[in-house]
Amino acid sequence: MCGRYTLFTPAEALESRFDATFEEQTSPRYNCAPGQSLPVVTDDAPDRFQQFRWGLVPSWADDERVGNDLINARAETVAEKPSFEAAYEKRRCLVPADGFYEWVQDGDEKQPYRVSFADDRPFAMAGLWERWEPEHTQTGLGDFGGGSGAGRDDDADVVESFTIVTTEPNDVVADLHHRMAVVLDPEEEETWLHGDVDETARLLDPYPADEWRAYPVSTRVNSPANDAPELIEPV
């Protein structure tokens, strides 16, 4: 699975790499975690970064908390699982990162490892996105007496969210975990965003291991409350 990642590449470099702009100030992130608002590039707005919540909430869900269990989507079933099939067909995104974490059992404890390209260059993980609206926003049932709902900010209740597609691990990740995020070649990113499902299905293989590295890092990364440059230093 992919349960934590890093994105500390400067904003200017990310804008150049993805040919997209940030519309608000962004800060380096050393411990991106589920439930947080994080930058993505979507198929319907490929020229800008948007902040979406990590943990997919399908548009038909009764409760937004379902996203807590949908941080990853398996490549093998993404086209058929009800939680993901509509997004896979119509709503894909790029999730920028420059590394991710995995944990390995070491005696009674788990040792975290950071996995990245050897040069720490940014890359895109294949993602899916959704826009969820609570029932009163969709139907107007929240308005008293059929009024306009003035004074209530419905947009504050809307959740735009994403999940990361995972596949079999490459040789570097296989020593740490049985899954890894689908990492796209730069030339595959346009196809992921706008290709048909037959074209995108061919992109779901593990990224070749040649340029990847993995190294142990501090257990401070275990807590999402910790987010500092020291988290990526080898131990």
C-alpha atoms as a PDB file:
ATOM      1  CA  MET A   1       0.000   0.000   0.000  1.00  0.00           C
ATOM      2  CA  CYS A   2       0.958   3.657  -0.007  1.00  0.00           C
ATOM      3  CA  GLY A   3       0.118   5.189   3.365  1.00  0.00           C
ATOM      4  CA  ARG A   4       2.573   8.096   3.666  1.00  0.00           C
ATOM      5  CA  TYR A   5       4.693  10.103   1.243  1.00  0.00           C
ATOM      6  CA  THR A   6       6.866  13.189   0.906  1.00  0.00           C
ATOM      7  CA  LEU A   7       6.601  16.298  -1.244  1.00  0.00           C
ATOM      8  CA  PHE A   8       9.320  18.785  -0.377  1.00  0.00           C
ATOM      9  CA  THR A   9      10.347  19.723  -3.928  1.00  0.00           C
ATOM     10  CA  PRO A  10      10.072  23.552  -4.187  1.00  0.00           C
ATOM     11  CA  ALA A  11       6.837  24.861  -5.655  1.00  0.00           C
ATOM     12  CA  GLU A  12       8.616  26.483  -8.599  1.00  0.00           C
ATOM     13  CA  ALA A  13      10.211  23.173  -9.554  1.00  0.00           C
ATOM     14  CA  LEU A  14       6.888  21.354  -9.274  1.00  0.00           C
ATOM     15  CA  GLU A  15       5.206  23.956 -11.472  1.00  0.00           C
ATOM     16  CA  SER A  16       7.891  23.465 -14.102  1.00  0.00           C
ATOM     17  CA  ARG A  17       7.814  19.670 -13.842  1.00  0.00           C
ATOM     18  CA  PHE A  18       4.023  19.342 -14.146  1.00  0.00           C
ATOM     19  CA  ASP A  19       3.315  22.455 -16.232  1.00  0.00           C
ATOM     20  CA  ALA A  20       0.754  23.503 -13.626  1.00  0.00           C
ATOM     21  CA  THR A  21       0.534  26.403 -11.196  1.00  0.00           C
ATOM     22  CA  PHE A  22      -0.211  26.682  -7.498  1.00  0.00           C
ATOM     23  CA  GLU A  23      -3.052  29.070  -6.779  1.00  0.00           C
ATOM     24  CA  GLU A  24      -2.154  29.330  -3.099  1.00  0.00           C
ATOM     25  CA  GLN A  25       1.036  29.190  -1.088  1.00  0.00           C
ATOM     26  CA  THR A  26       2.370  25.717  -0.400  1.00  0.00           C
ATOM     27  CA  SER A  27       4.953  24.398   2.061  1.00  0.00           C
ATOM     28  CA  PRO A  28       7.362  21.434   1.915  1.00  0.00           C
ATOM     29  CA  ARG A  29       5.785  18.256   3.258  1.00  0.00           C
ATOM     30  CA  TYR A  30       7.848  15.484   4.799  1.00  0.00           C
ATOM     31  CA  ASN A  31       5.016  13.314   6.096  1.00  0.00           C
ATOM     32  CA  CYS A  32       1.914  13.462   3.907  1.00  0.00           C
ATOM     33  CA  ALA A  33      -0.798  11.379   5.560  1.00  0.00           C
ATOM     34  CA  PRO A  34      -4.374  10.229   4.876  1.00  0.00           C
ATOM     35  CA  GLY A  35      -7.025  12.765   5.777  1.00  0.00           C
ATOM     36  CA  GLN A  36      -4.779  15.697   4.903  1.00  0.00           C
ATOM     37  CA  SER A  37      -5.374  18.206   2.115  1.00  0.00           C
ATOM     38  CA  LEU A  38      -2.665  17.654  -0.499  1.00  0.00           C
ATOM     39  CA  PRO A  39      -1.933  18.849  -4.052  1.00  0.00           C
ATOM     40  CA  VAL A  40      -3.152  16.932  -7.098  1.00  0.00           C
ATOM     41  CA  VAL A  41      -3.467  17.633 -10.810  1.00  0.00           C
ATOM     42  CA  THR A  42      -6.820  16.500 -12.170  1.00  0.00           C
ATOM     43  CA  ASP A  43      -7.942  15.581 -15.664  1.00  0.00           C
ATOM     44  CA  ASP A  44     -10.430  18.457 -15.774  1.00  0.00           C
ATOM     45  CA  ALA A  45      -7.908  21.106 -14.636  1.00  0.00           C
ATOM     46  CA  PRO A  46      -4.457  19.891 -15.745  1.00  0.00           C
ATOM     47  CA  ASP A  47      -2.940  23.382 -15.643  1.00  0.00           C
ATOM     48  CA  ARG A  48      -3.191  23.883 -11.879  1.00  0.00           C
ATOM     49  CA  PHE A  49      -2.625  22.157  -8.577  1.00  0.00           C
ATOM     50  CA  GLN A  50      -5.697  21.673  -6.410  1.00  0.00           C
ATOM     51  CA  GLN A  51      -5.826  20.717  -2.748  1.00  0.00           C
ATOM     52  CA  PHE A  52      -7.862  17.523  -2.258  1.00  0.00           C
ATOM     53  CA  ARG A  53      -8.281  15.317   0.798  1.00  0.00           C
ATOM     54  CA  TRP A  54      -6.440  11.996   0.756  1.00  0.00           C
ATOM     55  CA  GLY A  55      -9.047   9.245   1.137  1.00  0.00           C
ATOM     56  CA  LEU A  56     -11.614   8.830  -1.639  1.00  0.00           C
ATOM     57  CA  VAL A  57     -15.245   9.622  -0.833  1.00  0.00           C
ATOM     58  CA  PRO A  58     -17.456   8.301  -3.671  1.00  0.00           C
ATOM     59  CA  SER A  59     -20.160  10.719  -4.777  1.00  0.00           C
ATOM     60  CA  TRP A  60     -22.853   8.230  -3.719  1.00  0.00           C
ATOM     61  CA  ALA A  61     -21.493   7.641  -0.210  1.00  0.00           C
ATOM     62  CA  ASP A  62     -23.821   8.254   2.741  1.00  0.00           C
ATOM     63  CA  ASP A  63     -20.974   9.438   4.967  1.00  0.00           C
ATOM     64  CA  GLU A  64     -17.709  11.163   4.085  1.00  0.00           C
ATOM     65  CA  ARG A  65     -15.904   9.054   6.687  1.00  0.00           C
ATOM     66  CA  VAL A  66     -15.837   6.175   4.196  1.00  0.00           C
ATOM     67  CA  GLY A  67     -12.757   7.905   2.773  1.00  0.00           C
ATOM     68  CA  ASN A  68     -10.744   6.749   5.787  1.00  0.00           C
ATOM     69  CA  ASP A  69     -10.768   3.245   4.299  1.00  0.00           C
ATOM     70  CA  LEU A  70     -10.193   4.247   0.667  1.00  0.00           C
ATOM     71  CA  ILE A  71      -6.703   5.757   0.595  1.00  0.00           C
ATOM     72  CA  ASN A  72      -5.533   3.190  -1.971  1.00  0.00           C
ATOM     73  CA  ALA A  73      -7.127   1.427  -4.943  1.00  0.00           C
ATOM     74  CA  ARG A  74      -5.751  -1.882  -6.216  1.00  0.00           C
ATOM     75  CA  ALA A  75      -4.827  -1.767  -9.905  1.00  0.00           C
ATOM     76  CA  GLU A  76      -6.160  -5.292 -10.425  1.00  0.00           C
ATOM     77  CA  THR A  77      -9.727  -4.373  -9.386  1.00  0.00           C
ATOM     78  CA  VAL A  78      -9.920  -0.597  -9.871  1.00  0.00           C
ATOM     79  CA  ALA A  79     -12.051  -0.910 -13.014  1.00  0.00           C
ATOM     80  CA  GLU A  80     -14.711  -3.027 -11.319  1.00  0.00           C
ATOM     81  CA  LYS A  81     -14.846  -2.159  -7.611  1.00  0.00           C
ATOM     82  CA  PRO A  82     -17.904   0.050  -6.970  1.00  0.00           C
ATOM     83  CA  SER A  83     -15.917   2.554  -4.908  1.00  0.00           C
ATOM     84  CA  PHE A  84     -13.530   3.243  -7.777  1.00  0.00           C
ATOM     85  CA  GLU A  85     -14.977   2.218 -11.149  1.00  0.00           C
ATOM     86  CA  ALA A  86     -16.668   5.539 -11.981  1.00  0.00           C
ATOM     87  CA  ALA A  87     -13.626   7.563 -10.971  1.00  0.00           C
ATOM     88  CA  TYR A  88     -11.328   5.252 -12.926  1.00  0.00           C
ATOM     89  CA  GLU A  89     -13.379   5.827 -16.055  1.00  0.00           C
ATOM     90  CA  LYS A  90     -13.970   9.580 -15.704  1.00  0.00           C
ATOM     91  CA  ARG A  91     -11.935  11.220 -12.918  1.00  0.00           C
ATOM     92  CA  ARG A  92      -8.209  10.548 -12.827  1.00  0.00           C
ATOM     93  CA  CYS A  93      -5.452  12.647 -11.328  1.00  0.00           C
ATOM     94  CA  LEU A  94      -1.719  12.892 -10.788  1.00  0.00           C
ATOM     95  CA  VAL A  95      -0.504  12.826  -7.194  1.00  0.00           C
ATOM     96  CA  PRO A  96       2.916  14.521  -7.073  1.00  0.00           C
ATOM     97  CA  ALA A  97       5.490  13.118  -4.663  1.00  0.00           C
ATOM     98  CA  ASP A  98       9.243  12.788  -4.254  1.00  0.00           C
ATOM     99  CA  GLY A  99       9.251   9.700  -2.057  1.00  0.00           C
ATOM    100  CA  PHE A 100       7.060   7.438   0.062  1.00  0.00           C
ATOM    101  CA  TYR A 101       7.380   5.442   3.278  1.00  0.00           C
ATOM    102  CA  GLU A 102       6.994   1.759   4.028  1.00  0.00           C
ATOM    103  CA  TRP A 103       7.390  -0.117   7.309  1.00  0.00           C
ATOM    104  CA  VAL A 104       9.220  -3.391   7.973  1.00  0.00           C
ATOM    105  CA  GLN A 105       8.745  -5.541  11.065  1.00  0.00           C
ATOM    106  CA  ASP A 106      11.946  -5.519  13.136  1.00  0.00           C
ATOM    107  CA  GLY A 107      11.486  -7.616  16.262  1.00  0.00           C
ATOM    108  CA  ASP A 108       8.705  -6.072  18.313  1.00  0.00           C
ATOM    109  CA  GLU A 109       8.783  -2.820  16.348  1.00  0.00           C
ATOM    110  CA  LYS A 110       8.357  -1.625  12.783  1.00  0.00           C
ATOM    111  CA  GLN A 111      11.195   0.207  11.083  1.00  0.00           C
ATOM    112  CA  PRO A 112      10.123   2.892   8.588  1.00  0.00           C
ATOM    113  CA  TYR A 113      11.944   3.205   5.258  1.00  0.00           C
ATOM    114  CA  ARG A 114      11.802   6.001   2.751  1.00  0.00           C
ATOM    115  CA  VAL A 115      11.686   4.987  -0.937  1.00  0.00           C
ATOM    116  CA  SER A 116      12.593   7.457  -3.687  1.00  0.00           C
ATOM    117  CA  PHE A 117      14.519   8.022  -6.862  1.00  0.00           C
ATOM    118  CA  ALA A 118      18.222   8.238  -6.084  1.00  0.00           C
ATOM    119  CA  ASP A 119      18.237  11.918  -7.058  1.00  0.00           C
ATOM    120  CA  ASP A 120      15.023  12.722  -5.131  1.00  0.00           C
ATOM    121  CA  ARG A 121      13.352  13.999  -8.280  1.00  0.00           C
ATOM    122  CA  PRO A 122       9.582  14.435  -8.143  1.00  0.00           C
ATOM    123  CA  PHE A 123       7.257  11.969  -9.816  1.00  0.00           C
ATOM    124  CA  ALA A 124       3.536  11.388 -10.313  1.00  0.00           C
ATOM    125  CA  MET A 125       1.581   8.606  -8.670  1.00  0.00           C
ATOM    126  CA  ALA A 126      -1.583   7.503 -10.462  1.00  0.00           C
ATOM    127  CA  GLY A 127      -4.648   8.731  -8.621  1.00  0.00           C
ATOM    128  CA  LEU A 128      -8.440   8.912  -8.835  1.00  0.00           C
ATOM    129  CA  TRP A 129     -10.579  11.745  -7.533  1.00  0.00           C
ATOM    130  CA  GLU A 130     -14.169  12.396  -6.521  1.00  0.00           C
ATOM    131  CA  ARG A 131     -16.403  15.279  -5.461  1.00  0.00           C
ATOM    132  CA  TRP A 132     -18.829  14.431  -2.654  1.00  0.00           C
ATOM    133  CA  GLU A 133     -21.709  16.639  -1.573  1.00  0.00           C
ATOM    134  CA  PRO A 134     -23.894  16.066   1.486  1.00  0.00           C
ATOM    135  CA  GLU A 135     -27.559  15.465   0.819  1.00  0.00           C
ATOM    136  CA  HIS A 136     -28.734  18.953   1.747  1.00  0.00           C
ATOM    137  CA  THR A 137     -26.316  20.426  -0.796  1.00  0.00           C
ATOM    138  CA  GLN A 138     -27.567  18.106  -3.539  1.00  0.00           C
ATOM    139  CA  THR A 139     -31.297  18.489  -2.879  1.00  0.00           C
ATOM    140  CA  GLY A 140     -31.773  21.661  -0.888  1.00  0.00           C
ATOM    141  CA  LEU A 141     -33.431  19.683   1.930  1.00  0.00           C
ATOM    142  CA  GLY A 142     -31.340  21.570   4.429  1.00  0.00           C
ATOM    143  CA  ASP A 143     -33.212  24.830   3.700  1.00  0.00           C
ATOM    144  CA  PHE A 144     -35.787  25.811   6.289  1.00  0.00           C
ATOM    145  CA  GLY A 145     -39.241  26.482   4.916  1.00  0.00           C
ATOM    146  CA  GLY A 146     -38.024  26.170   1.349  1.00  0.00           C
ATOM    147  CA  GLY A 147     -35.799  29.239   1.738  1.00  0.00           C
ATOM    148  CA  SER A 148     -32.578  29.968  -0.071  1.00  0.00           C
ATOM    149  CA  GLY A 149     -30.263  28.700   2.651  1.00  0.00           C
ATOM    150  CA  ALA A 150     -28.672  32.119   3.048  1.00  0.00           C
ATOM    151  CA  GLY A 151     -26.071  32.215   5.766  1.00  0.00           C
ATOM    152  CA  ARG A 152     -24.976  28.595   5.201  1.00  0.00           C
ATOM    153  CA  ASP A 153     -21.819  27.934   3.207  1.00  0.00           C
ATOM    154  CA  ASP A 154     -22.690  24.727   1.342  1.00  0.00           C
ATOM    155  CA  ASP A 155     -19.292  24.682  -0.341  1.00  0.00           C
ATOM    156  CA  ALA A 156     -17.707  24.196   3.072  1.00  0.00           C
ATOM    157  CA  ASP A 157     -19.444  20.795   3.249  1.00  0.00           C
ATOM    158  CA  VAL A 158     -18.262  19.602  -0.167  1.00  0.00           C
ATOM    159  CA  VAL A 159     -15.376  17.114  -0.071  1.00  0.00           C
ATOM    160  CA  GLU A 160     -12.976  16.782  -2.996  1.00  0.00           C
ATOM    161  CA  SER A 161     -10.846  13.730  -2.390  1.00  0.00           C
ATOM    162  CA  PHE A 162      -8.407  11.323  -4.004  1.00  0.00           C
ATOM    163  CA  THR A 163      -6.956   7.852  -3.732  1.00  0.00           C
ATOM    164  CA  ILE A 164      -3.640   6.402  -4.937  1.00  0.00           C
ATOM    165  CA  VAL A 165      -3.615   3.368  -7.231  1.00  0.00           C
ATOM    166  CA  THR A 166      -1.266   0.562  -6.154  1.00  0.00           C
ATOM    167  CA  THR A 167       0.276  -2.389  -7.966  1.00  0.00           C
ATOM    168  CA  GLU A 168       2.825  -5.159  -7.459  1.00  0.00           C
ATOM    169  CA  PRO A 169       6.155  -3.924  -6.020  1.00  0.00           C
ATOM    170  CA  ASN A 170       9.392  -3.553  -7.934  1.00  0.00           C
ATOM    171  CA  ASP A 171      12.544  -5.260  -6.629  1.00  0.00           C
ATOM    172  CA  VAL A 172      13.437  -2.407  -4.271  1.00  0.00           C
ATOM    173  CA  VAL A 173      10.004  -2.170  -2.655  1.00  0.00           C
ATOM    174  CA  ALA A 174       9.446  -5.938  -2.562  1.00  0.00           C
ATOM    175  CA  ASP A 175      11.817  -6.242   0.399  1.00  0.00           C
ATOM    176  CA  LEU A 176       9.623  -3.800   2.323  1.00  0.00           C
ATOM    177  CA  HIS A 177       6.022  -4.402   1.239  1.00  0.00           C
ATOM    178  CA  HIS A 178       3.899  -6.451  -1.166  1.00  0.00           C
ATOM    179  CA  ARG A 179       2.380  -3.351  -2.833  1.00  0.00           C
ATOM    180  CA  MET A 180       3.613  -0.024  -4.176  1.00  0.00           C
ATOM    181  CA  ALA A 181       2.049   3.037  -5.737  1.00  0.00           C
ATOM    182  CA  VAL A 182       1.702   3.129  -9.510  1.00  0.00           C
ATOM    183  CA  VAL A 183       4.426   5.591 -10.525  1.00  0.00           C
ATOM    184  CA  LEU A 184       4.026   7.023 -14.006  1.00  0.00           C
ATOM    185  CA  ASP A 185       6.722   7.938 -16.505  1.00  0.00           C
ATOM    186  CA  PRO A 186       6.391  11.618 -17.457  1.00  0.00           C
ATOM    187  CA  GLU A 187       5.352  10.612 -20.977  1.00  0.00           C
ATOM    188  CA  GLU A 188       2.561   8.443 -19.501  1.00  0.00           C
ATOM    189  CA  GLU A 189       0.950  11.190 -17.460  1.00  0.00           C
ATOM    190  CA  GLU A 190      -1.144  12.668 -20.264  1.00  0.00           C
ATOM    191  CA  THR A 191      -2.456   9.196 -21.107  1.00  0.00           C
ATOM    192  CA  TRP A 192      -3.345   8.574 -17.478  1.00  0.00           C
ATOM    193  CA  LEU A 193      -5.306  11.804 -17.327  1.00  0.00           C
ATOM    194  CA  HIS A 194      -7.092  11.634 -20.672  1.00  0.00           C
ATOM    195  CA  GLY A 195      -6.689   8.169 -22.200  1.00  0.00           C
ATOM    196  CA  ASP A 196      -9.408   5.537 -22.372  1.00  0.00           C
ATOM    197  CA  VAL A 197      -9.486   2.660 -19.914  1.00  0.00           C
ATOM    198  CA  ASP A 198      -7.738   0.290 -22.300  1.00  0.00           C
ATOM    199  CA  GLU A 199      -4.837   2.724 -22.618  1.00  0.00           C
ATOM    200  CA  THR A 200      -4.608   3.405 -18.894  1.00  0.00           C
ATOM    201  CA  ALA A 201      -4.697  -0.294 -18.026  1.00  0.00           C
ATOM    202  CA  ARG A 202      -1.310  -0.658 -19.703  1.00  0.00           C
ATOM    203  CA  LEU A 203       0.207   1.863 -17.277  1.00  0.00           C
ATOM    204  CA  LEU A 204      -0.482  -0.079 -14.084  1.00  0.00           C
ATOM    205  CA  ASP A 205       2.739  -2.106 -13.895  1.00  0.00           C
ATOM    206  CA  PRO A 206       5.414  -1.496 -11.228  1.00  0.00           C
ATOM    207  CA  TYR A 207       8.007   1.124 -12.081  1.00  0.00           C
ATOM    208  CA  PRO A 208      11.414  -0.446 -12.914  1.00  0.00           C
ATOM    209  CA  ALA A 209      13.683  -0.606  -9.864  1.00  0.00           C
ATOM    210  CA  ASP A 210      16.929   0.555 -11.495  1.00  0.00           C
ATOM    211  CA  GLU A 211      16.880   4.153 -10.235  1.00  0.00           C
ATOM    212  CA  TRP A 212      15.161   3.581  -6.910  1.00  0.00           C
ATOM    213  CA  ARG A 213      16.609   3.436  -3.423  1.00  0.00           C
ATOM    214  CA  ALA A 214      15.270   2.619   0.042  1.00  0.00           C
ATOM    215  CA  TYR A 215      16.808   3.573   3.375  1.00  0.00           C
ATOM    216  CA  PRO A 216      15.732   3.501   7.046  1.00  0.00           C
ATOM    217  CA  VAL A 217      14.490   6.700   8.676  1.00  0.00           C
ATOM    218  CA  SER A 218      13.453   7.817  12.135  1.00  0.00           C
ATOM    219  CA  THR A 219      10.378   6.285  13.781  1.00  0.00           C
ATOM    220  CA  ARG A 220       9.222   9.872  14.323  1.00  0.00           C
ATOM    221  CA  VAL A 221       7.609   9.520  10.905  1.00  0.00           C
ATOM    222  CA  ASN A 222       5.118   7.140  12.542  1.00  0.00           C
ATOM    223  CA  SER A 223       3.139  10.127  13.814  1.00  0.00           C
ATOM    224  CA  PRO A 224       1.496  12.370  11.191  1.00  0.00           C
ATOM    225  CA  ALA A 225       1.938  15.218  13.678  1.00  0.00           C
ATOM    226  CA  ASN A 226       5.667  15.179  12.876  1.00  0.00           C
ATOM    227  CA  ASP A 227       6.524  16.951   9.629  1.00  0.00           C
ATOM    228  CA  ALA A 228      10.109  18.172   9.407  1.00  0.00           C
ATOM    229  CA  PRO A 229      13.222  17.683   7.246  1.00  0.00           C
ATOM    230  CA  GLU A 230      14.791  15.366   9.820  1.00  0.00           C
ATOM    231  CA  LEU A 231      12.225  12.704   8.926  1.00  0.00           C
ATOM    232  CA  ILE A 232      13.913  11.962   5.593  1.00  0.00           C
ATOM    233  CA  GLU A 233      17.442  11.683   6.986  1.00  0.00           C
ATOM    234  CA  PRO A 234      18.931   8.135   7.046  1.00  0.00           C
ATOM    235  CA  VAL A 235      19.375   6.473  10.415  1.00  0.00           C
END
